[in-house]
Amino acid sequence: GRVFVMCLGQRLDVHNTVCVAAGVLHLCVDEATYSLLGLVGTASPFTSQPGFRTITIDLQSPSFKPGNPQYERVKEGLSKLHPCRVVACHDPGDGSASTIVRFP
């Protein structure tokens, strides 16, 4: 199956956003948040987002597990983010119904 997660009520060109798709965590954050997180990213390719950075993390990488330095760095960085409302969708991939959940 697959899991998708997206921020609710956040505008990509104005707010910090988070998304999980195809096993990859995507963060789009402003410069202040980028500096706070301590994670590696690139300048946003979108002209509507001057000063924003894009961070991508492969959550399915075999080395991305507790105890691995990158895992621990990501875990610590994400703990510094402000909470946001998200919606999560689970697609079992077998033709049965998907499950959609909103947090909080």
PDB file of N, CA and C in Angstrom:
ATOM      1  N   GLY A   1       0.805  -1.180   0.000  1.00  0.00           N
ATOM      2  CA  GLY A   1       0.000   0.000   0.000  1.00  0.00           C
ATOM      3  C   GLY A   1       0.855   1.254   0.000  1.00  0.00           C
ATOM      4  N   ARG A   2       0.193   2.387  -0.112  1.00  0.00           N
ATOM      5  CA  ARG A   2       0.872   3.683  -0.120  1.00  0.00           C
ATOM      6  C   ARG A   2       0.193   4.624   0.852  1.00  0.00           C
ATOM      7  N   VAL A   3       0.983   5.538   1.393  1.00  0.00           N
ATOM      8  CA  VAL A   3       0.466   6.562   2.293  1.00  0.00           C
ATOM      9  C   VAL A   3       0.834   7.931   1.725  1.00  0.00           C
ATOM     10  N   PHE A   4      -0.123   8.844   1.749  1.00  0.00           N
ATOM     11  CA  PHE A   4       0.090  10.217   1.321  1.00  0.00           C
ATOM     12  C   PHE A   4      -0.304  11.127   2.487  1.00  0.00           C
ATOM     13  N   VAL A   5       0.488  12.157   2.738  1.00  0.00           N
ATOM     14  CA  VAL A   5       0.202  13.111   3.807  1.00  0.00           C
ATOM     15  C   VAL A   5       0.428  14.511   3.259  1.00  0.00           C
ATOM     16  N   MET A   6      -0.510  15.433   3.555  1.00  0.00           N
ATOM     17  CA  MET A   6      -0.360  16.823   3.120  1.00  0.00           C
ATOM     18  C   MET A   6      -0.839  17.762   4.220  1.00  0.00           C
ATOM     19  N   CYS A   7      -0.220  18.943   4.275  1.00  0.00           N
ATOM     20  CA  CYS A   7      -0.673  20.009   5.183  1.00  0.00           C
ATOM     21  C   CYS A   7      -2.028  20.513   4.745  1.00  0.00           C
ATOM     22  N   LEU A   8      -2.827  20.917   5.712  1.00  0.00           N
ATOM     23  CA  LEU A   8      -4.112  21.555   5.432  1.00  0.00           C
ATOM     24  C   LEU A   8      -4.015  23.039   5.744  1.00  0.00           C
ATOM     25  N   GLY A   9      -4.616  23.849   4.898  1.00  0.00           N
ATOM     26  CA  GLY A   9      -4.690  25.276   5.156  1.00  0.00           C
ATOM     27  C   GLY A   9      -3.393  26.022   4.988  1.00  0.00           C
ATOM     28  N   GLN A  10      -2.414  25.438   4.355  1.00  0.00           N
ATOM     29  CA  GLN A  10      -1.130  26.091   4.127  1.00  0.00           C
ATOM     30  C   GLN A  10      -0.989  26.408   2.639  1.00  0.00           C
ATOM     31  N   ARG A  11      -0.623  27.648   2.333  1.00  0.00           N
ATOM     32  CA  ARG A  11      -0.376  28.027   0.939  1.00  0.00           C
ATOM     33  C   ARG A  11       1.092  27.804   0.628  1.00  0.00           C
ATOM     34  N   LEU A  12       1.373  27.060  -0.401  1.00  0.00           N
ATOM     35  CA  LEU A  12       2.732  26.691  -0.770  1.00  0.00           C
ATOM     36  C   LEU A  12       3.616  27.902  -1.029  1.00  0.00           C
ATOM     37  N   ASP A  13       3.036  28.982  -1.527  1.00  0.00           N
ATOM     38  CA  ASP A  13       3.852  30.148  -1.857  1.00  0.00           C
ATOM     39  C   ASP A  13       4.030  31.114  -0.676  1.00  0.00           C
ATOM     40  N   VAL A  14       3.431  30.792   0.481  1.00  0.00           N
ATOM     41  CA  VAL A  14       3.491  31.701   1.625  1.00  0.00           C
ATOM     42  C   VAL A  14       3.934  30.998   2.905  1.00  0.00           C
ATOM     43  N   HIS A  15       3.470  29.771   3.122  1.00  0.00           N
ATOM     44  CA  HIS A  15       3.693  29.066   4.386  1.00  0.00           C
ATOM     45  C   HIS A  15       4.695  27.922   4.240  1.00  0.00           C
ATOM     46  N   ASN A  16       5.217  27.492   5.367  1.00  0.00           N
ATOM     47  CA  ASN A  16       5.992  26.257   5.402  1.00  0.00           C
ATOM     48  C   ASN A  16       5.022  25.100   5.184  1.00  0.00           C
ATOM     49  N   THR A  17       5.390  24.162   4.339  1.00  0.00           N
ATOM     50  CA  THR A  17       4.505  23.036   4.043  1.00  0.00           C
ATOM     51  C   THR A  17       5.263  21.719   4.122  1.00  0.00           C
ATOM     52  N   VAL A  18       4.488  20.654   4.333  1.00  0.00           N
ATOM     53  CA  VAL A  18       5.042  19.308   4.385  1.00  0.00           C
ATOM     54  C   VAL A  18       4.126  18.380   3.603  1.00  0.00           C
ATOM     55  N   CYS A  19       4.748  17.408   2.945  1.00  0.00           N
ATOM     56  CA  CYS A  19       4.003  16.425   2.159  1.00  0.00           C
ATOM     57  C   CYS A  19       4.789  15.124   2.171  1.00  0.00           C
ATOM     58  N   VAL A  20       4.099  14.005   2.231  1.00  0.00           N
ATOM     59  CA  VAL A  20       4.729  12.694   2.054  1.00  0.00           C
ATOM     60  C   VAL A  20       4.027  12.023   0.894  1.00  0.00           C
ATOM     61  N   ALA A  21       4.798  11.646  -0.112  1.00  0.00           N
ATOM     62  CA  ALA A  21       4.261  10.950  -1.286  1.00  0.00           C
ATOM     63  C   ALA A  21       5.313   9.977  -1.789  1.00  0.00           C
ATOM     64  N   ALA A  22       4.878   8.792  -2.142  1.00  0.00           N
ATOM     65  CA  ALA A  22       5.764   7.755  -2.681  1.00  0.00           C
ATOM     66  C   ALA A  22       6.972   7.506  -1.774  1.00  0.00           C
ATOM     67  N   GLY A  23       6.751   7.591  -0.463  1.00  0.00           N
ATOM     68  CA  GLY A  23       7.822   7.285   0.475  1.00  0.00           C
ATOM     69  C   GLY A  23       8.856   8.380   0.634  1.00  0.00           C
ATOM     70  N   VAL A  24       8.550   9.566   0.117  1.00  0.00           N
ATOM     71  CA  VAL A  24       9.492  10.681   0.210  1.00  0.00           C
ATOM     72  C   VAL A  24       8.838  11.833   0.978  1.00  0.00           C
ATOM     73  N   LEU A  25       9.560  12.345   1.967  1.00  0.00           N
ATOM     74  CA  LEU A  25       9.120  13.510   2.721  1.00  0.00           C
ATOM     75  C   LEU A  25       9.587  14.754   1.978  1.00  0.00           C
ATOM     76  N   HIS A  26       8.647  15.644   1.690  1.00  0.00           N
ATOM     77  CA  HIS A  26       8.956  16.904   1.002  1.00  0.00           C
ATOM     78  C   HIS A  26       8.627  18.046   1.950  1.00  0.00           C
ATOM     79  N   LEU A  27       9.609  18.897   2.198  1.00  0.00           N
ATOM     80  CA  LEU A  27       9.399  20.083   3.015  1.00  0.00           C
ATOM     81  C   LEU A  27       9.702  21.301   2.165  1.00  0.00           C
ATOM     82  N   CYS A  28       8.871  22.295   2.228  1.00  0.00           N
ATOM     83  CA  CYS A  28       9.121  23.573   1.577  1.00  0.00           C
ATOM     84  C   CYS A  28       9.041  24.611   2.690  1.00  0.00           C
ATOM     85  N   VAL A  29      10.197  25.212   3.030  1.00  0.00           N
ATOM     86  CA  VAL A  29      10.277  26.063   4.211  1.00  0.00           C
ATOM     87  C   VAL A  29      10.963  27.390   3.905  1.00  0.00           C
ATOM     88  N   ASP A  30      10.640  28.399   4.720  1.00  0.00           N
ATOM     89  CA  ASP A  30      11.290  29.695   4.563  1.00  0.00           C
ATOM     90  C   ASP A  30      12.718  29.622   5.113  1.00  0.00           C
ATOM     91  N   GLU A  31      13.509  30.674   4.851  1.00  0.00           N
ATOM     92  CA  GLU A  31      14.925  30.674   5.241  1.00  0.00           C
ATOM     93  C   GLU A  31      15.126  30.500   6.742  1.00  0.00           C
ATOM     94  N   ALA A  32      14.301  31.159   7.545  1.00  0.00           N
ATOM     95  CA  ALA A  32      14.449  31.061   9.002  1.00  0.00           C
ATOM     96  C   ALA A  32      14.238  29.629   9.476  1.00  0.00           C
ATOM     97  N   THR A  33      13.211  28.975   8.960  1.00  0.00           N
ATOM     98  CA  THR A  33      12.932  27.585   9.341  1.00  0.00           C
ATOM     99  C   THR A  33      14.021  26.665   8.818  1.00  0.00           C
ATOM    100  N   TYR A  34      14.470  26.916   7.592  1.00  0.00           N
ATOM    101  CA  TYR A  34      15.545  26.114   6.998  1.00  0.00           C
ATOM    102  C   TYR A  34      16.786  26.151   7.890  1.00  0.00           C
ATOM    103  N   SER A  35      17.163  27.323   8.361  1.00  0.00           N
ATOM    104  CA  SER A  35      18.337  27.462   9.228  1.00  0.00           C
ATOM    105  C   SER A  35      18.130  26.725  10.549  1.00  0.00           C
ATOM    106  N   LEU A  36      16.915  26.776  11.076  1.00  0.00           N
ATOM    107  CA  LEU A  36      16.591  26.121  12.338  1.00  0.00           C
ATOM    108  C   LEU A  36      16.665  24.594  12.230  1.00  0.00           C
ATOM    109  N   LEU A  37      16.206  24.044  11.096  1.00  0.00           N
ATOM    110  CA  LEU A  37      16.128  22.587  10.947  1.00  0.00           C
ATOM    111  C   LEU A  37      17.491  21.916  10.850  1.00  0.00           C
ATOM    112  N   GLY A  38      18.439  22.565  10.206  1.00  0.00           N
ATOM    113  CA  GLY A  38      19.757  21.959  10.039  1.00  0.00           C
ATOM    114  C   GLY A  38      19.774  20.816   9.050  1.00  0.00           C
ATOM    115  N   LEU A  39      18.833  20.798   8.107  1.00  0.00           N
ATOM    116  CA  LEU A  39      18.768  19.755   7.084  1.00  0.00           C
ATOM    117  C   LEU A  39      19.202  20.332   5.742  1.00  0.00           C
ATOM    118  N   VAL A  40      19.682  19.480   4.850  1.00  0.00           N
ATOM    119  CA  VAL A  40      20.172  19.925   3.552  1.00  0.00           C
ATOM    120  C   VAL A  40      19.016  20.052   2.570  1.00  0.00           C
ATOM    121  N   GLY A  41      18.992  21.167   1.846  1.00  0.00           N
ATOM    122  CA  GLY A  41      17.962  21.400   0.842  1.00  0.00           C
ATOM    123  C   GLY A  41      18.486  22.288  -0.264  1.00  0.00           C
ATOM    124  N   THR A  42      17.605  22.629  -1.174  1.00  0.00           N
ATOM    125  CA  THR A  42      17.963  23.483  -2.298  1.00  0.00           C
ATOM    126  C   THR A  42      16.986  24.648  -2.377  1.00  0.00           C
ATOM    127  N   ALA A  43      17.397  25.687  -3.090  1.00  0.00           N
ATOM    128  CA  ALA A  43      16.503  26.821  -3.289  1.00  0.00           C
ATOM    129  C   ALA A  43      15.264  26.345  -4.039  1.00  0.00           C
ATOM    130  N   SER A  44      14.115  26.879  -3.663  1.00  0.00           N
ATOM    131  CA  SER A  44      12.868  26.513  -4.335  1.00  0.00           C
ATOM    132  C   SER A  44      12.953  26.909  -5.807  1.00  0.00           C
ATOM    133  N   PRO A  45      12.527  26.020  -6.707  1.00  0.00           N
ATOM    134  CA  PRO A  45      12.572  26.343  -8.136  1.00  0.00           C
ATOM    135  C   PRO A  45      11.454  27.274  -8.580  1.00  0.00           C
ATOM    136  N   PHE A  46      10.537  27.606  -7.692  1.00  0.00           N
ATOM    137  CA  PHE A  46       9.385  28.419  -8.059  1.00  0.00           C
ATOM    138  C   PHE A  46       9.642  29.894  -7.789  1.00  0.00           C
ATOM    139  N   THR A  47       9.418  30.735  -8.780  1.00  0.00           N
ATOM    140  CA  THR A  47       9.653  32.164  -8.635  1.00  0.00           C
ATOM    141  C   THR A  47       8.697  32.799  -7.637  1.00  0.00           C
ATOM    142  N   SER A  48       7.576  32.145  -7.366  1.00  0.00           N
ATOM    143  CA  SER A  48       6.625  32.682  -6.381  1.00  0.00           C
ATOM    144  C   SER A  48       7.107  32.441  -4.953  1.00  0.00           C
ATOM    145  N   GLN A  49       8.240  31.752  -4.787  1.00  0.00           N
ATOM    146  CA  GLN A  49       8.754  31.421  -3.457  1.00  0.00           C
ATOM    147  C   GLN A  49      10.184  31.921  -3.245  1.00  0.00           C
ATOM    148  N   PRO A  50      10.440  33.199  -3.435  1.00  0.00           N
ATOM    149  CA  PRO A  50      11.807  33.659  -3.181  1.00  0.00           C
ATOM    150  C   PRO A  50      12.148  33.466  -1.711  1.00  0.00           C
ATOM    151  N   GLY A  51      13.339  32.942  -1.451  1.00  0.00           N
ATOM    152  CA  GLY A  51      13.755  32.716  -0.072  1.00  0.00           C
ATOM    153  C   GLY A  51      13.293  31.404   0.529  1.00  0.00           C
ATOM    154  N   PHE A  52      12.551  30.604  -0.209  1.00  0.00           N
ATOM    155  CA  PHE A  52      12.118  29.299   0.299  1.00  0.00           C
ATOM    156  C   PHE A  52      13.109  28.217  -0.113  1.00  0.00           C
ATOM    157  N   ARG A  53      13.187  27.176   0.697  1.00  0.00           N
ATOM    158  CA  ARG A  53      14.055  26.023   0.435  1.00  0.00           C
ATOM    159  C   ARG A  53      13.217  24.761   0.365  1.00  0.00           C
ATOM    160  N   THR A  54      13.647  23.840  -0.472  1.00  0.00           N
ATOM    161  CA  THR A  54      12.991  22.548  -0.613  1.00  0.00           C
ATOM    162  C   THR A  54      13.913  21.475  -0.046  1.00  0.00           C
ATOM    163  N   ILE A  55      13.375  20.651   0.835  1.00  0.00           N
ATOM    164  CA  ILE A  55      14.120  19.544   1.446  1.00  0.00           C
ATOM    165  C   ILE A  55      13.380  18.262   1.107  1.00  0.00           C
ATOM    166  N   THR A  56      14.078  17.278   0.590  1.00  0.00           N
ATOM    167  CA  THR A  56      13.467  15.977   0.302  1.00  0.00           C
ATOM    168  C   THR A  56      14.244  14.889   1.037  1.00  0.00           C
ATOM    169  N   ILE A  57      13.506  13.965   1.641  1.00  0.00           N
ATOM    170  CA  ILE A  57      14.106  12.881   2.414  1.00  0.00           C
ATOM    171  C   ILE A  57      13.434  11.573   2.029  1.00  0.00           C
ATOM    172  N   ASP A  58      14.227  10.613   1.580  1.00  0.00           N
ATOM    173  CA  ASP A  58      13.711   9.298   1.196  1.00  0.00           C
ATOM    174  C   ASP A  58      13.470   8.471   2.456  1.00  0.00           C
ATOM    175  N   LEU A  59      12.213   8.358   2.836  1.00  0.00           N
ATOM    176  CA  LEU A  59      11.860   7.627   4.051  1.00  0.00           C
ATOM    177  C   LEU A  59      11.974   6.112   3.887  1.00  0.00           C
ATOM    178  N   GLN A  60      12.072   5.653   2.640  1.00  0.00           N
ATOM    179  CA  GLN A  60      12.147   4.210   2.385  1.00  0.00           C
ATOM    180  C   GLN A  60      13.579   3.711   2.214  1.00  0.00           C
ATOM    181  N   SER A  61      14.545   4.604   2.300  1.00  0.00           N
ATOM    182  CA  SER A  61      15.941   4.194   2.161  1.00  0.00           C
ATOM    183  C   SER A  61      16.273   3.165   3.239  1.00  0.00           C
ATOM    184  N   PRO A  62      16.940   2.067   2.867  1.00  0.00           N
ATOM    185  CA  PRO A  62      17.281   1.039   3.859  1.00  0.00           C
ATOM    186  C   PRO A  62      18.107   1.589   5.027  1.00  0.00           C
ATOM    187  N   SER A  63      18.872   2.646   4.791  1.00  0.00           N
ATOM    188  CA  SER A  63      19.701   3.191   5.863  1.00  0.00           C
ATOM    189  C   SER A  63      18.950   4.194   6.734  1.00  0.00           C
ATOM    190  N   PHE A  64      17.724   4.578   6.326  1.00  0.00           N
ATOM    191  CA  PHE A  64      16.956   5.554   7.110  1.00  0.00           C
ATOM    192  C   PHE A  64      16.220   4.815   8.217  1.00  0.00           C
ATOM    193  N   LYS A  65      16.916   4.627   9.335  1.00  0.00           N
ATOM    194  CA  LYS A  65      16.343   3.905  10.467  1.00  0.00           C
ATOM    195  C   LYS A  65      16.942   4.442  11.759  1.00  0.00           C
ATOM    196  N   PRO A  66      16.278   4.213  12.891  1.00  0.00           N
ATOM    197  CA  PRO A  66      16.801   4.710  14.166  1.00  0.00           C
ATOM    198  C   PRO A  66      18.246   4.301  14.385  1.00  0.00           C
ATOM    199  N   GLY A  67      19.016   5.244  14.888  1.00  0.00           N
ATOM    200  CA  GLY A  67      20.440   5.000  15.118  1.00  0.00           C
ATOM    201  C   GLY A  67      21.316   5.523  14.005  1.00  0.00           C
ATOM    202  N   ASN A  68      20.772   5.636  12.788  1.00  0.00           N
ATOM    203  CA  ASN A  68      21.523   6.182  11.660  1.00  0.00           C
ATOM    204  C   ASN A  68      21.640   7.698  11.850  1.00  0.00           C
ATOM    205  N   PRO A  69      22.821   8.279  11.631  1.00  0.00           N
ATOM    206  CA  PRO A  69      22.989   9.720  11.846  1.00  0.00           C
ATOM    207  C   PRO A  69      21.995  10.589  11.058  1.00  0.00           C
ATOM    208  N   GLN A  70      21.707  10.241   9.801  1.00  0.00           N
ATOM    209  CA  GLN A  70      20.755  11.036   9.028  1.00  0.00           C
ATOM    210  C   GLN A  70      19.360  10.941   9.644  1.00  0.00           C
ATOM    211  N   TYR A  71      18.945   9.760  10.027  1.00  0.00           N
ATOM    212  CA  TYR A  71      17.640   9.569  10.662  1.00  0.00           C
ATOM    213  C   TYR A  71      17.528  10.445  11.912  1.00  0.00           C
ATOM    214  N   GLU A  72      18.555  10.394  12.748  1.00  0.00           N
ATOM    215  CA  GLU A  72      18.536  11.150  14.002  1.00  0.00           C
ATOM    216  C   GLU A  72      18.530  12.655  13.735  1.00  0.00           C
ATOM    217  N   ARG A  73      19.264  13.112  12.706  1.00  0.00           N
ATOM    218  CA  ARG A  73      19.289  14.533  12.349  1.00  0.00           C
ATOM    219  C   ARG A  73      17.910  14.983  11.865  1.00  0.00           C
ATOM    220  N   VAL A  74      17.265  14.159  11.039  1.00  0.00           N
ATOM    221  CA  VAL A  74      15.919  14.482  10.543  1.00  0.00           C
ATOM    222  C   VAL A  74      14.932  14.505  11.708  1.00  0.00           C
ATOM    223  N   LYS A  75      15.000  13.511  12.561  1.00  0.00           N
ATOM    224  CA  LYS A  75      14.105  13.437  13.718  1.00  0.00           C
ATOM    225  C   LYS A  75      14.250  14.686  14.595  1.00  0.00           C
ATOM    226  N   GLU A  76      15.479  15.091  14.863  1.00  0.00           N
ATOM    227  CA  GLU A  76      15.710  16.274  15.691  1.00  0.00           C
ATOM    228  C   GLU A  76      15.227  17.534  14.977  1.00  0.00           C
ATOM    229  N   GLY A  77      15.508  17.651  13.677  1.00  0.00           N
ATOM    230  CA  GLY A  77      15.071  18.818  12.920  1.00  0.00           C
ATOM    231  C   GLY A  77      13.562  18.941  12.895  1.00  0.00           C
ATOM    232  N   LEU A  78      12.861  17.852  12.632  1.00  0.00           N
ATOM    233  CA  LEU A  78      11.398  17.893  12.555  1.00  0.00           C
ATOM    234  C   LEU A  78      10.759  18.222  13.901  1.00  0.00           C
ATOM    235  N   SER A  79      11.442  17.880  14.979  1.00  0.00           N
ATOM    236  CA  SER A  79      10.897  18.196  16.307  1.00  0.00           C
ATOM    237  C   SER A  79      10.856  19.703  16.547  1.00  0.00           C
ATOM    238  N   LYS A  80      11.564  20.487  15.741  1.00  0.00           N
ATOM    239  CA  LYS A  80      11.607  21.940  15.881  1.00  0.00           C
ATOM    240  C   LYS A  80      10.511  22.642  15.080  1.00  0.00           C
ATOM    241  N   LEU A  81       9.814  21.904  14.241  1.00  0.00           N
ATOM    242  CA  LEU A  81       8.753  22.509  13.425  1.00  0.00           C
ATOM    243  C   LEU A  81       7.520  22.818  14.267  1.00  0.00           C
ATOM    244  N   HIS A  82       6.804  23.864  13.889  1.00  0.00           N
ATOM    245  CA  HIS A  82       5.521  24.152  14.522  1.00  0.00           C
ATOM    246  C   HIS A  82       4.519  23.110  14.055  1.00  0.00           C
ATOM    247  N   PRO A  83       3.613  22.690  14.924  1.00  0.00           N
ATOM    248  CA  PRO A  83       2.593  21.717  14.513  1.00  0.00           C
ATOM    249  C   PRO A  83       1.727  22.274  13.378  1.00  0.00           C
ATOM    250  N   CYS A  84       1.254  21.392  12.536  1.00  0.00           N
ATOM    251  CA  CYS A  84       0.326  21.797  11.478  1.00  0.00           C
ATOM    252  C   CYS A  84      -0.743  20.716  11.343  1.00  0.00           C
ATOM    253  N   ARG A  85      -1.871  21.119  10.811  1.00  0.00           N
ATOM    254  CA  ARG A  85      -2.945  20.151  10.537  1.00  0.00           C
ATOM    255  C   ARG A  85      -2.606  19.425   9.249  1.00  0.00           C
ATOM    256  N   VAL A  86      -2.821  18.122   9.229  1.00  0.00           N
ATOM    257  CA  VAL A  86      -2.543  17.333   8.033  1.00  0.00           C
ATOM    258  C   VAL A  86      -3.709  16.408   7.727  1.00  0.00           C
ATOM    259  N   VAL A  87      -3.735  15.971   6.497  1.00  0.00           N
ATOM    260  CA  VAL A  87      -4.654  14.920   6.086  1.00  0.00           C
ATOM    261  C   VAL A  87      -3.782  13.779   5.569  1.00  0.00           C
ATOM    262  N   ALA A  88      -4.125  12.574   5.963  1.00  0.00           N
ATOM    263  CA  ALA A  88      -3.385  11.390   5.539  1.00  0.00           C
ATOM    264  C   ALA A  88      -4.333  10.446   4.809  1.00  0.00           C
ATOM    265  N   CYS A  89      -3.847   9.844   3.757  1.00  0.00           N
ATOM    266  CA  CYS A  89      -4.641   8.910   2.966  1.00  0.00           C
ATOM    267  C   CYS A  89      -3.845   7.625   2.790  1.00  0.00           C
ATOM    268  N   HIS A  90      -4.467   6.516   3.094  1.00  0.00           N
ATOM    269  CA  HIS A  90      -3.842   5.207   2.888  1.00  0.00           C
ATOM    270  C   HIS A  90      -4.528   4.514   1.722  1.00  0.00           C
ATOM    271  N   ASP A  91      -3.753   4.177   0.721  1.00  0.00           N
ATOM    272  CA  ASP A  91      -4.242   3.431  -0.438  1.00  0.00           C
ATOM    273  C   ASP A  91      -3.669   2.021  -0.323  1.00  0.00           C
ATOM    274  N   PRO A  92      -4.510   1.036  -0.008  1.00  0.00           N
ATOM    275  CA  PRO A  92      -3.987  -0.319   0.183  1.00  0.00           C
ATOM    276  C   PRO A  92      -3.414  -0.939  -1.088  1.00  0.00           C
ATOM    277  N   GLY A  93      -3.763  -0.383  -2.246  1.00  0.00           N
ATOM    278  CA  GLY A  93      -3.198  -0.874  -3.495  1.00  0.00           C
ATOM    279  C   GLY A  93      -3.815  -2.152  -4.006  1.00  0.00           C
ATOM    280  N   ASP A  94      -4.858  -2.625  -3.348  1.00  0.00           N
ATOM    281  CA  ASP A  94      -5.473  -3.886  -3.782  1.00  0.00           C
ATOM    282  C   ASP A  94      -6.878  -3.674  -4.348  1.00  0.00           C
ATOM    283  N   GLY A  95      -7.208  -2.415  -4.618  1.00  0.00           N
ATOM    284  CA  GLY A  95      -8.546  -2.119  -5.169  1.00  0.00           C
ATOM    285  C   GLY A  95      -9.580  -1.843  -4.108  1.00  0.00           C
ATOM    286  N   SER A  96      -9.258  -2.083  -2.836  1.00  0.00           N
ATOM    287  CA  SER A  96     -10.232  -1.793  -1.786  1.00  0.00           C
ATOM    288  C   SER A  96     -10.223  -0.300  -1.468  1.00  0.00           C
ATOM    289  N   ALA A  97     -11.152   0.137  -0.661  1.00  0.00           N
ATOM    290  CA  ALA A  97     -11.316   1.560  -0.368  1.00  0.00           C
ATOM    291  C   ALA A  97     -10.121   2.136   0.378  1.00  0.00           C
ATOM    292  N   SER A  98      -9.803   3.371   0.059  1.00  0.00           N
ATOM    293  CA  SER A  98      -8.755   4.101   0.762  1.00  0.00           C
ATOM    294  C   SER A  98      -9.293   4.642   2.076  1.00  0.00           C
ATOM    295  N   THR A  99      -8.396   4.895   3.000  1.00  0.00           N
ATOM    296  CA  THR A  99      -8.765   5.481   4.281  1.00  0.00           C
ATOM    297  C   THR A  99      -8.187   6.896   4.334  1.00  0.00           C
ATOM    298  N   ILE A 100      -9.022   7.868   4.700  1.00  0.00           N
ATOM    299  CA  ILE A 100      -8.576   9.253   4.812  1.00  0.00           C
ATOM    300  C   ILE A 100      -8.798   9.706   6.246  1.00  0.00           C
ATOM    301  N   VAL A 101      -7.748  10.293   6.848  1.00  0.00           N
ATOM    302  CA  VAL A 101      -7.794  10.732   8.236  1.00  0.00           C
ATOM    303  C   VAL A 101      -7.238  12.145   8.323  1.00  0.00           C
ATOM    304  N   ARG A 102      -7.879  12.993   9.134  1.00  0.00           N
ATOM    305  CA  ARG A 102      -7.367  14.342   9.381  1.00  0.00           C
ATOM    306  C   ARG A 102      -6.822  14.421  10.801  1.00  0.00           C
ATOM    307  N   PHE A 103      -5.690  15.102  10.946  1.00  0.00           N
ATOM    308  CA  PHE A 103      -5.076  15.296  12.264  1.00  0.00           C
ATOM    309  C   PHE A 103      -4.861  16.776  12.476  1.00  0.00           C
ATOM    310  N   PRO A 104      -5.001  17.362  13.563  1.00  0.00           N
ATOM    311  CA  PRO A 104      -5.935  16.973  14.608  1.00  0.00           C
ATOM    312  C   PRO A 104      -7.351  17.260  14.192  1.00  0.00           C
TER     313      PRO A 104
END
